[in-house]
Amino acid sequence: MVILPYSYSTIKQLLLFQLINIVTQNKHHGMFRKLSLLTIIPLSFITVLHAQSLREKVQQIAAEAKGKVGVAYVDLETGDTLTLNGTAHLPMQSTFKFPIAMAVLHDVDGGKLSLDQKIRLRKKDMPLKTWSPMRDKYPDGGEVTLQEALGYMVSQSDNVACDVLIKLTGGTDKIESYIHSLGVTDIAIKATEAEMAKEWNVQYTNWSEPIAYTKLLSILYKGTALSLKSNDILWKMMVNTTTGPKRLKGLLPSGTIVAHKTGTSGTNDKGITAATNDVGVIQLFNKKHIALAVMVSDSPADEVTREAVIAKIAKAFADNLSVQ
């Protein structure tokens, strides 16, 4: 899918001019005859026209957030792409737990870590003022396996589990280096959850381009980085995500499989929410697959509006593929 830097109305005018030109040439040469639209208009031009219409629809939806919205879409069967602010550096918030999980499972595949190994949870290492279903289950401390901690981090977006696994894997620099080694370089992983919680601007040091996320999602979908077992574990954990049901999944048909990871910041005293994100692979009922990253940044809109923007964009792409 090729996106031209023209508006939908401009492309329609170009299409009309081409039609008039072809008809005029046929009349001049005495060859005028009834022609179908597909006969006189190249299919590639129609595809561009359709893609531009879809892009403008996405832009209109994104405007509702009144912030900066980054979108990257990839048709995983054809490779067709469409982006909006696709190379913007946007705060990831908890969506960074997806690449962290990939780094953890890479170490499992390499024998440095084991899914069954025990992780000791200490009460003093589990702050109360953060999201953590794992801490709520073990308020006085306890033991979990690495696989259990991974499930808490990915499926329930647990912040305590996240920082435990960052430490176990060797730190943010090591995780970032691994992701970059996969060819996904337009992503920065610099701060833990605890560090982001200390100061508003720290969250912006953990950024990603929306396009980078679709590259990473494509790697997960194709299974080209992790072992079959590890890839399957991560895929199932992302399918079982409990957060953000009104985002990518919000307007899709019930039962649609979505392997995804959400991310959400707080709202500052100026009413700005730094990040409302959802990134994932959507499996449609016609067996087509979409990698989609929608990142709503620095928005003054309320949560209902921000989540609705993500849901409407996901539906626009899903509807587009469903009719093909």
Protein backbone atom coordinates (compact mmCIF):
# COMPACT_ATOMS: atom_id res chain seq x y z
CA MET A 1 0.00 0.00 0.00
CA VAL A 2 1.65 3.22 -1.14
CA ILE A 3 0.69 6.48 0.53
CA LEU A 4 1.07 9.66 -1.51
CA PRO A 5 1.38 13.12 0.07
CA TYR A 6 -1.89 14.28 -1.50
CA SER A 7 -5.29 14.85 0.01
CA TYR A 8 -8.18 12.60 -0.90
CA SER A 9 -9.84 15.42 -2.88
CA THR A 10 -6.63 16.11 -4.82
CA ILE A 11 -6.30 12.47 -5.82
CA LYS A 12 -9.94 12.43 -6.95
CA GLN A 13 -9.20 15.43 -9.17
CA LEU A 14 -6.15 13.68 -10.62
CA LEU A 15 -8.32 10.64 -11.28
CA LEU A 16 -10.89 12.79 -13.10
CA PHE A 17 -8.20 14.49 -15.21
CA GLN A 18 -6.85 11.08 -16.19
CA LEU A 19 -10.32 9.91 -17.18
CA ILE A 20 -10.92 13.02 -19.34
CA ASN A 21 -7.49 12.67 -20.95
CA ILE A 22 -8.00 9.02 -21.89
CA VAL A 23 -11.49 9.62 -23.28
CA THR A 24 -10.23 12.62 -25.31
CA GLN A 25 -7.38 10.57 -26.77
CA ASN A 26 -9.75 7.78 -27.77
CA LYS A 27 -12.12 10.24 -29.49
CA HIS A 28 -9.21 11.89 -31.31
CA HIS A 29 -8.10 8.59 -32.76
CA GLY A 30 -11.60 7.53 -33.69
CA MET A 31 -11.56 4.75 -31.16
CA PHE A 32 -14.06 6.03 -28.59
CA ARG A 33 -16.01 3.21 -27.06
CA LYS A 34 -17.72 2.41 -23.80
CA LEU A 35 -15.03 1.59 -21.29
CA SER A 36 -15.33 0.36 -17.72
CA LEU A 37 -13.66 2.29 -14.93
CA LEU A 38 -11.21 -0.55 -14.32
CA THR A 39 -10.28 -0.55 -18.02
CA ILE A 40 -9.11 3.03 -18.06
CA ILE A 41 -7.76 3.49 -14.52
CA PRO A 42 -4.69 1.55 -13.38
CA LEU A 43 -5.40 -0.71 -10.44
CA SER A 44 -2.42 0.73 -8.54
CA PHE A 45 -3.96 4.18 -8.76
CA ILE A 46 -7.25 2.91 -7.34
CA THR A 47 -5.30 1.25 -4.50
CA VAL A 48 -3.56 4.53 -3.70
CA LEU A 49 -6.90 6.35 -3.76
CA HIS A 50 -8.38 3.82 -1.35
CA ALA A 51 -5.36 3.97 0.96
CA GLN A 52 -5.42 7.74 1.07
CA SER A 53 -9.11 7.68 1.97
CA LEU A 54 -8.34 5.27 4.83
CA ARG A 55 -5.46 7.44 6.01
CA GLU A 56 -7.65 10.53 6.12
CA LYS A 57 -10.25 8.60 8.12
CA VAL A 58 -7.56 7.67 10.64
CA GLN A 59 -6.43 11.32 10.81
CA GLN A 60 -9.99 12.45 11.52
CA ILE A 61 -10.33 9.93 14.35
CA ALA A 62 -6.93 10.84 15.79
CA ALA A 63 -7.89 14.52 15.93
CA GLU A 64 -10.47 13.69 18.62
CA ALA A 65 -7.65 13.12 21.13
CA LYS A 66 -6.39 16.71 20.71
CA GLY A 67 -2.85 15.45 21.30
CA LYS A 68 -0.23 13.65 19.25
CA VAL A 69 -1.39 10.29 17.97
CA GLY A 70 1.05 7.83 16.44
CA VAL A 71 -0.30 4.98 14.33
CA ALA A 72 1.50 2.19 12.49
CA TYR A 73 -0.34 -0.57 10.66
CA VAL A 74 1.03 -3.60 8.82
CA ASP A 75 -0.94 -6.23 6.93
CA LEU A 76 1.06 -9.28 8.02
CA GLU A 77 0.08 -11.28 4.95
CA THR A 78 0.88 -8.70 2.24
CA GLY A 79 3.27 -6.33 4.00
CA ASP A 80 1.08 -3.31 3.17
CA THR A 81 1.64 -0.46 5.60
CA LEU A 82 0.02 2.79 6.66
CA THR A 83 1.29 5.25 9.25
CA LEU A 84 0.42 8.49 10.97
CA ASN A 85 3.28 10.08 12.91
CA GLY A 86 4.91 6.71 12.46
CA THR A 87 8.43 7.93 13.28
CA ALA A 88 7.50 10.12 16.26
CA HIS A 89 9.22 9.31 19.55
CA LEU A 90 6.29 8.62 21.88
CA PRO A 91 6.31 7.47 25.52
CA MET A 92 5.67 3.75 25.80
CA GLN A 93 4.61 3.42 29.43
CA SER A 94 3.70 -0.25 30.08
CA THR A 95 3.82 -1.30 26.45
CA PHE A 96 7.58 -1.61 27.10
CA LYS A 97 6.77 -4.77 29.05
CA PHE A 98 6.36 -6.54 25.70
CA PRO A 99 10.01 -6.04 24.63
CA ILE A 100 11.11 -6.73 28.22
CA ALA A 101 9.30 -10.08 28.04
CA MET A 102 11.07 -10.88 24.78
CA ALA A 103 14.45 -10.19 26.42
CA VAL A 104 13.57 -12.37 29.43
CA LEU A 105 12.51 -15.26 27.19
CA HIS A 106 15.66 -14.82 25.07
CA ASP A 107 17.66 -15.48 28.24
CA VAL A 108 15.47 -18.49 28.96
CA ASP A 109 16.19 -19.84 25.48
CA GLY A 110 19.91 -19.26 26.05
CA GLY A 111 19.90 -21.14 29.34
CA LYS A 112 20.68 -18.09 31.50
CA LEU A 113 17.26 -18.20 33.11
CA SER A 114 14.63 -20.89 33.66
CA LEU A 115 10.86 -20.60 33.57
CA ASP A 116 10.69 -22.75 36.70
CA GLN A 117 13.27 -20.86 38.75
CA LYS A 118 11.98 -19.33 41.97
CA ILE A 119 11.94 -15.58 42.54
CA ARG A 120 11.88 -14.39 46.13
CA LEU A 121 9.52 -11.48 46.74
CA ARG A 122 10.37 -9.22 49.66
CA LYS A 123 7.81 -6.88 51.18
CA LYS A 124 10.21 -3.94 51.15
CA ASP A 125 10.70 -4.34 47.38
CA MET A 126 6.98 -4.07 46.63
CA PRO A 127 5.82 -0.44 46.95
CA LEU A 128 2.18 0.15 47.79
CA LYS A 129 1.61 3.10 45.45
CA THR A 130 1.90 1.22 42.18
CA TRP A 131 -0.20 -1.22 40.17
CA SER A 132 0.65 -4.77 41.24
CA PRO A 133 -1.79 -7.69 41.42
CA MET A 134 1.24 -9.83 42.35
CA ARG A 135 1.95 -7.69 45.43
CA ASP A 136 -1.73 -7.81 46.33
CA LYS A 137 -1.61 -11.61 46.30
CA TYR A 138 1.64 -11.73 48.29
CA PRO A 139 1.46 -8.59 50.50
CA ASP A 140 3.98 -9.96 53.00
CA GLY A 141 6.30 -11.42 50.38
CA GLY A 142 6.64 -14.95 49.05
CA GLU A 143 7.87 -16.94 46.08
CA VAL A 144 6.79 -17.10 42.45
CA THR A 145 8.29 -18.79 39.44
CA LEU A 146 9.80 -16.73 36.66
CA GLN A 147 6.93 -17.80 34.38
CA GLU A 148 4.40 -16.61 36.96
CA ALA A 149 6.14 -13.24 37.26
CA LEU A 150 6.19 -12.97 33.47
CA GLY A 151 2.45 -13.64 33.34
CA TYR A 152 1.79 -10.94 35.92
CA MET A 153 3.90 -8.45 33.96
CA VAL A 154 2.48 -9.16 30.50
CA SER A 155 -1.14 -10.20 31.02
CA GLN A 156 -1.88 -7.96 34.02
CA SER A 157 0.73 -5.22 33.44
CA ASP A 158 2.17 -5.68 36.94
CA ASN A 159 4.73 -2.97 37.76
CA VAL A 160 6.46 -4.82 40.60
CA ALA A 161 6.89 -7.93 38.46
CA CYS A 162 8.25 -5.73 35.69
CA ASP A 163 11.03 -4.26 37.82
CA VAL A 164 11.89 -7.66 39.30
CA LEU A 165 12.35 -9.06 35.79
CA ILE A 166 14.33 -6.04 34.57
CA LYS A 167 16.78 -6.61 37.41
CA LEU A 168 16.90 -10.36 36.80
CA THR A 169 17.68 -9.82 33.11
CA GLY A 170 20.56 -7.45 33.79
CA GLY A 171 18.98 -4.00 33.50
CA THR A 172 17.40 -1.72 30.94
CA ASP A 173 20.57 -1.26 28.87
CA LYS A 174 20.88 -4.98 28.29
CA ILE A 175 17.20 -5.27 27.34
CA GLU A 176 17.48 -2.36 24.93
CA SER A 177 20.59 -3.85 23.32
CA TYR A 178 18.80 -7.15 22.72
CA ILE A 179 15.83 -5.45 21.06
CA HIS A 180 18.18 -3.40 18.88
CA SER A 181 19.96 -6.62 17.87
CA LEU A 182 16.69 -7.78 16.33
CA GLY A 183 16.82 -4.84 13.93
CA VAL A 184 14.30 -2.81 15.93
CA THR A 185 16.47 0.21 16.73
CA ASP A 186 13.96 3.05 17.00
CA ILE A 187 13.06 2.25 20.57
CA ALA A 188 14.63 3.34 23.88
CA ILE A 189 14.35 1.45 27.17
CA LYS A 190 16.04 3.52 29.87
CA ALA A 191 13.92 3.58 33.03
CA THR A 192 12.23 1.08 35.34
CA GLU A 193 8.66 1.46 36.57
CA ALA A 194 9.94 2.74 39.91
CA GLU A 195 12.09 5.35 38.17
CA MET A 196 9.21 6.52 35.98
CA ALA A 197 7.03 6.92 39.06
CA LYS A 198 9.46 9.37 40.67
CA GLU A 199 9.30 12.20 38.12
CA TRP A 200 6.92 13.07 35.25
CA ASN A 201 9.51 13.57 32.51
CA VAL A 202 11.31 10.26 33.12
CA GLN A 203 8.57 8.38 31.25
CA TYR A 204 9.60 10.14 28.04
CA THR A 205 13.02 8.45 28.17
CA ASN A 206 11.21 5.18 27.44
CA TRP A 207 10.05 5.92 23.92
CA SER A 208 9.29 4.09 20.71
CA GLU A 209 8.35 4.94 17.18
CA PRO A 210 4.99 3.33 16.32
CA ILE A 211 6.69 1.74 13.30
CA ALA A 212 9.22 0.07 15.60
CA TYR A 213 6.41 -1.58 17.52
CA THR A 214 4.89 -3.09 14.38
CA LYS A 215 8.33 -4.49 13.51
CA LEU A 216 8.53 -6.13 16.92
CA LEU A 217 4.96 -7.41 16.65
CA SER A 218 5.79 -8.88 13.23
CA ILE A 219 8.77 -10.69 14.76
CA LEU A 220 6.49 -12.17 17.42
CA TYR A 221 3.85 -13.18 14.86
CA LYS A 222 6.42 -14.84 12.57
CA GLY A 223 8.31 -16.43 15.46
CA THR A 224 11.72 -15.41 14.16
CA ALA A 225 13.43 -14.39 17.41
CA LEU A 226 12.44 -16.79 20.19
CA SER A 227 12.15 -20.56 20.40
CA LEU A 228 8.79 -22.03 19.45
CA LYS A 229 7.98 -22.69 23.12
CA SER A 230 8.93 -19.21 24.31
CA ASN A 231 7.16 -17.51 21.43
CA ASP A 232 3.99 -19.49 22.15
CA ILE A 233 4.15 -18.58 25.86
CA LEU A 234 4.45 -14.87 25.10
CA TRP A 235 1.73 -14.97 22.45
CA LYS A 236 -0.72 -16.61 24.87
CA MET A 237 0.13 -14.15 27.63
CA MET A 238 -0.59 -11.24 25.29
CA VAL A 239 -3.85 -12.81 24.14
CA ASN A 240 -4.79 -13.11 27.81
CA THR A 241 -4.13 -9.42 28.52
CA THR A 242 -6.78 -8.12 30.93
CA THR A 243 -6.02 -4.39 30.64
CA GLY A 244 -7.44 -2.01 28.04
CA PRO A 245 -10.54 -3.94 26.91
CA LYS A 246 -11.95 -0.73 25.38
CA ARG A 247 -8.86 -0.02 23.27
CA LEU A 248 -7.81 -2.23 20.32
CA LYS A 249 -10.51 -4.78 21.20
CA GLY A 250 -13.17 -2.22 22.04
CA LEU A 251 -15.14 -2.12 18.77
CA LEU A 252 -14.01 -5.41 17.22
CA PRO A 253 -16.45 -8.34 16.97
CA SER A 254 -16.73 -10.41 20.12
CA GLY A 255 -14.26 -13.28 20.04
CA THR A 256 -11.67 -11.50 17.89
CA ILE A 257 -8.21 -12.70 18.92
CA VAL A 258 -5.94 -9.82 19.90
CA ALA A 259 -2.43 -10.42 21.26
CA HIS A 260 -1.63 -7.03 22.74
CA LYS A 261 0.02 -4.91 25.41
CA THR A 262 -1.34 -1.67 26.80
CA GLY A 263 0.36 1.31 28.39
CA THR A 264 -1.10 4.16 30.43
CA SER A 265 0.42 7.13 32.20
CA GLY A 266 -1.02 9.32 34.90
CA THR A 267 -2.51 12.74 34.25
CA ASN A 268 -0.59 15.83 35.37
CA ASP A 269 -1.93 18.95 37.09
CA LYS A 270 -2.47 20.58 33.69
CA GLY A 271 -4.85 17.81 32.67
CA ILE A 272 -2.44 16.22 30.20
CA THR A 273 -2.15 12.44 29.95
CA ALA A 274 1.26 11.51 28.54
CA ALA A 275 0.38 8.07 27.20
CA THR A 276 -2.66 5.98 26.38
CA ASN A 277 -1.38 3.14 24.21
CA ASP A 278 -2.25 -0.26 22.83
CA VAL A 279 -0.06 -2.33 20.51
CA GLY A 280 -0.84 -5.79 19.21
CA VAL A 281 -1.60 -8.35 16.55
CA ILE A 282 -5.25 -8.67 15.54
CA GLN A 283 -6.49 -11.91 13.97
CA LEU A 284 -9.62 -11.31 11.93
CA PHE A 285 -12.29 -13.92 11.30
CA ASN A 286 -11.20 -14.14 7.64
CA LYS A 287 -7.80 -15.32 8.98
CA LYS A 288 -6.04 -12.10 8.02
CA HIS A 289 -3.67 -10.58 10.55
CA ILE A 290 -2.87 -6.97 11.42
CA ALA A 291 0.05 -5.59 13.43
CA LEU A 292 -1.18 -2.32 14.86
CA ALA A 293 0.32 0.25 17.23
CA VAL A 294 -1.78 3.19 18.39
CA MET A 295 -0.11 5.60 20.80
CA VAL A 296 -2.06 8.60 22.09
CA SER A 297 0.39 11.08 23.60
CA ASP A 298 0.09 14.33 25.55
CA SER A 299 -3.69 14.46 25.30
CA PRO A 300 -6.05 16.69 27.31
CA ALA A 301 -9.01 14.46 26.42
CA ASP A 302 -10.65 12.23 29.01
CA GLU A 303 -9.98 8.50 29.22
CA VAL A 304 -13.21 7.55 27.44
CA THR A 305 -12.24 9.69 24.43
CA ARG A 306 -8.63 8.50 24.34
CA GLU A 307 -9.61 4.85 24.45
CA ALA A 308 -12.34 5.42 21.88
CA VAL A 309 -9.75 6.88 19.48
CA ILE A 310 -7.73 3.66 19.71
CA ALA A 311 -10.84 1.49 19.29
CA LYS A 312 -12.11 3.45 16.27
CA ILE A 313 -8.73 3.30 14.54
CA ALA A 314 -8.50 -0.46 15.10
CA LYS A 315 -12.02 -0.90 13.72
CA ALA A 316 -11.22 1.20 10.64
CA PHE A 317 -8.32 -1.07 9.72
CA ALA A 318 -10.19 -4.26 10.57
CA ASP A 319 -13.21 -3.19 8.49
CA ASN A 320 -10.90 -2.35 5.60
CA LEU A 321 -9.43 -5.86 5.55
CA SER A 322 -12.69 -7.63 6.29
CA VAL A 323 -14.26 -6.50 3.00
CA GLN A 324 -11.27 -7.46 0.87
